[in-house]
Structure formats: structure tokens, C-alpha cells
Amino acid sequence: MDGLIYGMIRLLTYRAQKKTPSQRQSECAMESIAYPVSLPVTNAALNALFDAAWPDHEASDFAATLAHSLLYVCAYADARLIGFVNVAWDGHLHAFLLDTTVHPDFQRRGIGVQLVQVAAAATKAHGVEWLHVDFEPHLAQFYRQCGFVPTAAGLLNLTQSTYQPKT
């Protein structure tokens, strides 16, 4: 029996050695990530995450946004906020994914996909039928990985000086 256990340990060690350091680090990181839904999160933590992920981020008070959201999902590595996604809604059948963010030190490990999948499942549990997302072209592959399919949509920038409401 001891020989069998020793052999299994050697096999597992050999397999672990065949992985690159980034693969081992990624696996360890994925095991310790928590994805709570709509638990309290501080402005300081959100602003620190957004500062790291978005170069033009200006500190803001997220309280009003979160109060009007259907839900939001955070990703924590231990006690550190490393990811966030917000779900706004129309109060009935449609919800909208906003602000999908992962700290640069934790990107490309599947955390963003997991954030979106947790948000989608929690949104579905609220009886919402459609989850929408708008994104820039370079994020198309990411959102396909999350299960979104391309659709035709329109966008109107109300802050542009060229916008003139029809009367």
C-alpha cells in the first residue's frame, strides 16, 4: 500500500513538474477565488480595482449605481478585490452587463469569464430572460467565451454635440 501511495505521489509530482510556472500559478489562483453576489463592497476597494484596470478612471461613489443594480458580482483572492461585474435591469425581462473588470495582475486566468457566468446564473435566478452586453470589437472573443452571441444593436451617444432630439 505504501508503495502505491508513493507511486501516486511521484506521478502527481511528475505531472505538476511538466506544467509551466504560469499554469501552476493560474491553477492555484483559480482555487482560491471567491465570487460572492451582491455582498457589500467598499468604494475604496472598487476604486482601487478600477484605478488598476482602467487608465482614465476617476474615483467615484459606487453606492447609487449598486443600489439601482439587479445584482453585482465581485471576485476576491483572499480579501483582495480582483474582479467585478455589474448587472443593471429594466425591472422585468432584460438585464445589462456593465463594467466587467479584472485586475491586470489576474487577467487571462478565466476570472472574467467566471464573473460573467456567475452573474448570468444569478440574473437568471431572478427571472430575467435576456442578458445584454455592449463591448468594443477587441472584446468579441471574450464575450463569445462567456456565451454571448452577436446581435445587431444601436447606440446613441447623448453627450455628443451633434445629438439633436427630434421634436
C-alpha atoms as a PDB file:
ATOM      1  CA  MET A   1       0.000   0.000   0.000  1.00  0.00           C
ATOM      2  CA  ASP A   2       2.801   2.422   0.898  1.00  0.00           C
ATOM      3  CA  GLY A   3       4.421   1.726  -2.480  1.00  0.00           C
ATOM      4  CA  LEU A   4       1.168   2.530  -4.282  1.00  0.00           C
ATOM      5  CA  ILE A   5       0.795   5.833  -2.421  1.00  0.00           C
ATOM      6  CA  TYR A   6       4.458   6.668  -3.054  1.00  0.00           C
ATOM      7  CA  GLY A   7       3.994   5.889  -6.756  1.00  0.00           C
ATOM      8  CA  MET A   8       0.899   8.093  -6.957  1.00  0.00           C
ATOM      9  CA  ILE A   9       2.745  10.947  -5.277  1.00  0.00           C
ATOM     10  CA  ARG A  10       5.641  10.583  -7.730  1.00  0.00           C
ATOM     11  CA  LEU A  11       3.216  10.536 -10.676  1.00  0.00           C
ATOM     12  CA  LEU A  12       1.391  13.633  -9.418  1.00  0.00           C
ATOM     13  CA  THR A  13       4.718  15.379  -8.786  1.00  0.00           C
ATOM     14  CA  TYR A  14       5.901  14.480 -12.294  1.00  0.00           C
ATOM     15  CA  ARG A  15       2.681  15.808 -13.822  1.00  0.00           C
ATOM     16  CA  ALA A  16       2.957  19.017 -11.799  1.00  0.00           C
ATOM     17  CA  GLN A  17       6.556  19.455 -12.937  1.00  0.00           C
ATOM     18  CA  LYS A  18       5.507  19.214 -16.584  1.00  0.00           C
ATOM     19  CA  LYS A  19       3.315  22.302 -16.186  1.00  0.00           C
ATOM     20  CA  THR A  20       4.729  25.754 -16.737  1.00  0.00           C
ATOM     21  CA  PRO A  21       5.019  28.067 -13.735  1.00  0.00           C
ATOM     22  CA  SER A  22       2.207  30.235 -15.084  1.00  0.00           C
ATOM     23  CA  GLN A  23      -0.052  27.161 -15.416  1.00  0.00           C
ATOM     24  CA  ARG A  24       0.649  26.145 -11.813  1.00  0.00           C
ATOM     25  CA  GLN A  25       0.175  29.742 -10.611  1.00  0.00           C
ATOM     26  CA  SER A  26      -3.082  30.025 -12.552  1.00  0.00           C
ATOM     27  CA  GLU A  27      -4.423  26.781 -11.092  1.00  0.00           C
ATOM     28  CA  CYS A  28      -3.548  27.899  -7.579  1.00  0.00           C
ATOM     29  CA  ALA A  29      -5.155  31.291  -8.168  1.00  0.00           C
ATOM     30  CA  MET A  30      -8.343  29.747  -9.551  1.00  0.00           C
ATOM     31  CA  GLU A  31      -8.724  27.506  -6.497  1.00  0.00           C
ATOM     32  CA  SER A  32      -8.720  30.443  -4.086  1.00  0.00           C
ATOM     33  CA  ILE A  33     -11.014  32.876  -5.934  1.00  0.00           C
ATOM     34  CA  ALA A  34     -14.425  33.589  -4.366  1.00  0.00           C
ATOM     35  CA  TYR A  35     -17.323  35.064  -6.388  1.00  0.00           C
ATOM     36  CA  PRO A  36     -19.894  36.473  -3.956  1.00  0.00           C
ATOM     37  CA  VAL A  37     -23.073  38.000  -5.381  1.00  0.00           C
ATOM     38  CA  SER A  38     -24.171  41.429  -4.135  1.00  0.00           C
ATOM     39  CA  LEU A  39     -22.312  41.336  -0.843  1.00  0.00           C
ATOM     40  CA  PRO A  40     -21.254  44.761   0.432  1.00  0.00           C
ATOM     41  CA  VAL A  41     -18.148  46.184  -1.214  1.00  0.00           C
ATOM     42  CA  THR A  42     -16.435  49.461  -0.363  1.00  0.00           C
ATOM     43  CA  ASN A  43     -15.866  52.419  -2.649  1.00  0.00           C
ATOM     44  CA  ALA A  44     -12.180  52.231  -1.747  1.00  0.00           C
ATOM     45  CA  ALA A  45     -11.918  48.627  -2.971  1.00  0.00           C
ATOM     46  CA  LEU A  46     -13.845  49.334  -6.191  1.00  0.00           C
ATOM     47  CA  ASN A  47     -11.875  52.492  -6.934  1.00  0.00           C
ATOM     48  CA  ALA A  48      -8.567  50.658  -6.332  1.00  0.00           C
ATOM     49  CA  LEU A  49      -9.636  47.916  -8.770  1.00  0.00           C
ATOM     50  CA  PHE A  50     -10.844  50.383 -11.409  1.00  0.00           C
ATOM     51  CA  ASP A  51      -7.689  52.526 -10.998  1.00  0.00           C
ATOM     52  CA  ALA A  52      -5.550  49.478 -11.739  1.00  0.00           C
ATOM     53  CA  ALA A  53      -7.653  48.257 -14.672  1.00  0.00           C
ATOM     54  CA  TRP A  54      -8.769  51.487 -16.367  1.00  0.00           C
ATOM     55  CA  PRO A  55      -6.131  54.176 -17.018  1.00  0.00           C
ATOM     56  CA  ASP A  56      -8.663  57.024 -17.197  1.00  0.00           C
ATOM     57  CA  HIS A  57     -10.692  56.016 -14.145  1.00  0.00           C
ATOM     58  CA  GLU A  58     -11.666  58.841 -11.825  1.00  0.00           C
ATOM     59  CA  ALA A  59     -12.615  57.947  -8.264  1.00  0.00           C
ATOM     60  CA  SER A  60     -16.349  57.784  -7.802  1.00  0.00           C
ATOM     61  CA  ASP A  61     -19.050  56.830  -5.349  1.00  0.00           C
ATOM     62  CA  PHE A  62     -20.497  53.493  -6.455  1.00  0.00           C
ATOM     63  CA  ALA A  63     -23.317  53.476  -3.883  1.00  0.00           C
ATOM     64  CA  ALA A  64     -26.029  54.853  -6.191  1.00  0.00           C
ATOM     65  CA  THR A  65     -25.038  52.554  -9.046  1.00  0.00           C
ATOM     66  CA  LEU A  66     -25.060  49.453  -6.859  1.00  0.00           C
ATOM     67  CA  ALA A  67     -28.335  50.472  -5.211  1.00  0.00           C
ATOM     68  CA  HIS A  68     -30.051  50.548  -8.626  1.00  0.00           C
ATOM     69  CA  SER A  69     -28.467  47.328  -9.890  1.00  0.00           C
ATOM     70  CA  LEU A  70     -30.225  43.989 -10.046  1.00  0.00           C
ATOM     71  CA  LEU A  71     -27.009  42.480  -8.698  1.00  0.00           C
ATOM     72  CA  TYR A  72     -23.249  42.593  -8.950  1.00  0.00           C
ATOM     73  CA  VAL A  73     -20.536  40.003  -8.602  1.00  0.00           C
ATOM     74  CA  CYS A  74     -17.105  40.521  -7.093  1.00  0.00           C
ATOM     75  CA  ALA A  75     -14.063  38.281  -7.384  1.00  0.00           C
ATOM     76  CA  TYR A  76     -11.802  38.050  -4.353  1.00  0.00           C
ATOM     77  CA  ALA A  77      -8.384  36.475  -3.990  1.00  0.00           C
ATOM     78  CA  ASP A  78      -8.347  36.084  -0.248  1.00  0.00           C
ATOM     79  CA  ALA A  79      -9.604  39.502   0.931  1.00  0.00           C
ATOM     80  CA  ARG A  80      -8.375  41.424  -2.134  1.00  0.00           C
ATOM     81  CA  LEU A  81     -10.958  42.589  -4.690  1.00  0.00           C
ATOM     82  CA  ILE A  82      -9.627  41.481  -8.081  1.00  0.00           C
ATOM     83  CA  GLY A  83     -12.754  41.485 -10.260  1.00  0.00           C
ATOM     84  CA  PHE A  84     -16.200  42.998 -10.624  1.00  0.00           C
ATOM     85  CA  VAL A  85     -19.213  42.965 -12.910  1.00  0.00           C
ATOM     86  CA  ASN A  86     -22.487  44.851 -12.531  1.00  0.00           C
ATOM     87  CA  VAL A  87     -25.937  43.822 -13.798  1.00  0.00           C
ATOM     88  CA  ALA A  88     -28.460  46.605 -14.382  1.00  0.00           C
ATOM     89  CA  TRP A  89     -32.004  45.804 -15.474  1.00  0.00           C
ATOM     90  CA  ASP A  90     -35.334  47.097 -16.700  1.00  0.00           C
ATOM     91  CA  GLY A  91     -37.229  45.588 -13.775  1.00  0.00           C
ATOM     92  CA  HIS A  92     -38.651  42.759 -15.839  1.00  0.00           C
ATOM     93  CA  LEU A  93     -37.143  40.623 -18.630  1.00  0.00           C
ATOM     94  CA  HIS A  94     -33.967  42.422 -19.734  1.00  0.00           C
ATOM     95  CA  ALA A  95     -30.695  42.920 -17.877  1.00  0.00           C
ATOM     96  CA  PHE A  96     -27.464  44.576 -18.968  1.00  0.00           C
ATOM     97  CA  LEU A  97     -23.918  43.562 -18.132  1.00  0.00           C
ATOM     98  CA  LEU A  98     -21.749  46.552 -17.206  1.00  0.00           C
ATOM     99  CA  ASP A  99     -18.216  47.277 -16.034  1.00  0.00           C
ATOM    100  CA  THR A 100     -16.706  43.802 -16.388  1.00  0.00           C
ATOM    101  CA  THR A 101     -13.311  44.370 -14.774  1.00  0.00           C
ATOM    102  CA  VAL A 102     -10.414  42.151 -13.698  1.00  0.00           C
ATOM    103  CA  HIS A 103      -7.257  43.483 -12.074  1.00  0.00           C
ATOM    104  CA  PRO A 104      -4.369  43.372 -14.612  1.00  0.00           C
ATOM    105  CA  ASP A 105      -2.328  41.088 -12.324  1.00  0.00           C
ATOM    106  CA  PHE A 106      -5.101  38.464 -12.549  1.00  0.00           C
ATOM    107  CA  GLN A 107      -6.192  38.736 -16.193  1.00  0.00           C
ATOM    108  CA  ARG A 108      -6.136  35.823 -18.655  1.00  0.00           C
ATOM    109  CA  ARG A 109      -6.864  33.227 -15.968  1.00  0.00           C
ATOM    110  CA  GLY A 110     -10.584  32.752 -16.604  1.00  0.00           C
ATOM    111  CA  ILE A 111     -11.667  35.054 -13.803  1.00  0.00           C
ATOM    112  CA  GLY A 112     -13.562  37.410 -16.127  1.00  0.00           C
ATOM    113  CA  VAL A 113     -15.430  34.522 -17.744  1.00  0.00           C
ATOM    114  CA  GLN A 114     -16.296  33.142 -14.314  1.00  0.00           C
ATOM    115  CA  LEU A 115     -17.526  36.570 -13.158  1.00  0.00           C
ATOM    116  CA  VAL A 116     -19.848  36.780 -16.167  1.00  0.00           C
ATOM    117  CA  GLN A 117     -21.075  33.206 -15.754  1.00  0.00           C
ATOM    118  CA  VAL A 118     -21.868  33.729 -12.064  1.00  0.00           C
ATOM    119  CA  ALA A 119     -23.645  36.990 -12.950  1.00  0.00           C
ATOM    120  CA  ALA A 120     -25.646  35.249 -15.707  1.00  0.00           C
ATOM    121  CA  ALA A 121     -26.739  32.425 -13.405  1.00  0.00           C
ATOM    122  CA  ALA A 122     -27.740  34.837 -10.629  1.00  0.00           C
ATOM    123  CA  THR A 123     -29.584  37.019 -13.154  1.00  0.00           C
ATOM    124  CA  LYS A 124     -31.485  34.006 -14.499  1.00  0.00           C
ATOM    125  CA  ALA A 125     -32.465  33.096 -10.913  1.00  0.00           C
ATOM    126  CA  HIS A 126     -34.209  36.498 -10.753  1.00  0.00           C
ATOM    127  CA  GLY A 127     -36.444  35.511 -13.678  1.00  0.00           C
ATOM    128  CA  VAL A 128     -34.688  37.656 -16.264  1.00  0.00           C
ATOM    129  CA  GLU A 129     -34.870  36.205 -19.792  1.00  0.00           C
ATOM    130  CA  TRP A 130     -32.343  38.302 -21.717  1.00  0.00           C
ATOM    131  CA  LEU A 131     -28.852  39.412 -20.674  1.00  0.00           C
ATOM    132  CA  HIS A 132     -27.384  42.084 -22.953  1.00  0.00           C
ATOM    133  CA  VAL A 133     -23.827  43.386 -23.226  1.00  0.00           C
ATOM    134  CA  ASP A 134     -22.192  46.088 -25.324  1.00  0.00           C
ATOM    135  CA  PHE A 135     -18.471  45.862 -25.956  1.00  0.00           C
ATOM    136  CA  GLU A 136     -15.644  47.071 -28.140  1.00  0.00           C
ATOM    137  CA  PRO A 137     -14.592  44.831 -31.053  1.00  0.00           C
ATOM    138  CA  HIS A 138     -11.405  43.610 -29.350  1.00  0.00           C
ATOM    139  CA  LEU A 139     -13.555  42.008 -26.618  1.00  0.00           C
ATOM    140  CA  ALA A 140     -15.727  39.964 -29.006  1.00  0.00           C
ATOM    141  CA  GLN A 141     -13.828  36.710 -28.385  1.00  0.00           C
ATOM    142  CA  PHE A 142     -14.045  37.158 -24.605  1.00  0.00           C
ATOM    143  CA  TYR A 143     -17.813  37.618 -24.688  1.00  0.00           C
ATOM    144  CA  ARG A 144     -18.211  34.660 -27.077  1.00  0.00           C
ATOM    145  CA  GLN A 145     -16.354  32.580 -24.458  1.00  0.00           C
ATOM    146  CA  CYS A 146     -18.934  33.792 -21.951  1.00  0.00           C
ATOM    147  CA  GLY A 147     -21.760  32.504 -24.168  1.00  0.00           C
ATOM    148  CA  PHE A 148     -22.940  35.710 -25.827  1.00  0.00           C
ATOM    149  CA  VAL A 149     -23.917  35.692 -29.488  1.00  0.00           C
ATOM    150  CA  PRO A 150     -23.521  38.719 -31.771  1.00  0.00           C
ATOM    151  CA  THR A 151     -26.633  40.790 -32.486  1.00  0.00           C
ATOM    152  CA  ALA A 152     -27.385  43.968 -34.358  1.00  0.00           C
ATOM    153  CA  ALA A 153     -27.893  46.846 -31.962  1.00  0.00           C
ATOM    154  CA  GLY A 154     -27.957  50.607 -31.945  1.00  0.00           C
ATOM    155  CA  LEU A 155     -26.164  53.147 -29.814  1.00  0.00           C
ATOM    156  CA  LEU A 156     -26.846  56.827 -29.355  1.00  0.00           C
ATOM    157  CA  ASN A 157     -24.288  58.989 -27.526  1.00  0.00           C
ATOM    158  CA  LEU A 158     -26.340  61.640 -25.764  1.00  0.00           C
ATOM    159  CA  THR A 159     -23.257  63.635 -24.756  1.00  0.00           C
ATOM    160  CA  GLN A 160     -22.122  64.363 -28.328  1.00  0.00           C
ATOM    161  CA  SER A 161     -22.676  67.917 -29.503  1.00  0.00           C
ATOM    162  CA  THR A 162     -24.152  66.520 -32.726  1.00  0.00           C
ATOM    163  CA  TYR A 163     -27.091  64.918 -30.893  1.00  0.00           C
ATOM    164  CA  GLN A 164     -30.293  66.838 -31.577  1.00  0.00           C
ATOM    165  CA  PRO A 165     -33.516  65.388 -30.213  1.00  0.00           C
ATOM    166  CA  LYS A 166     -36.357  65.214 -32.704  1.00  0.00           C
ATOM    167  CA  THR A 167     -39.268  67.353 -31.625  1.00  0.00           C
END
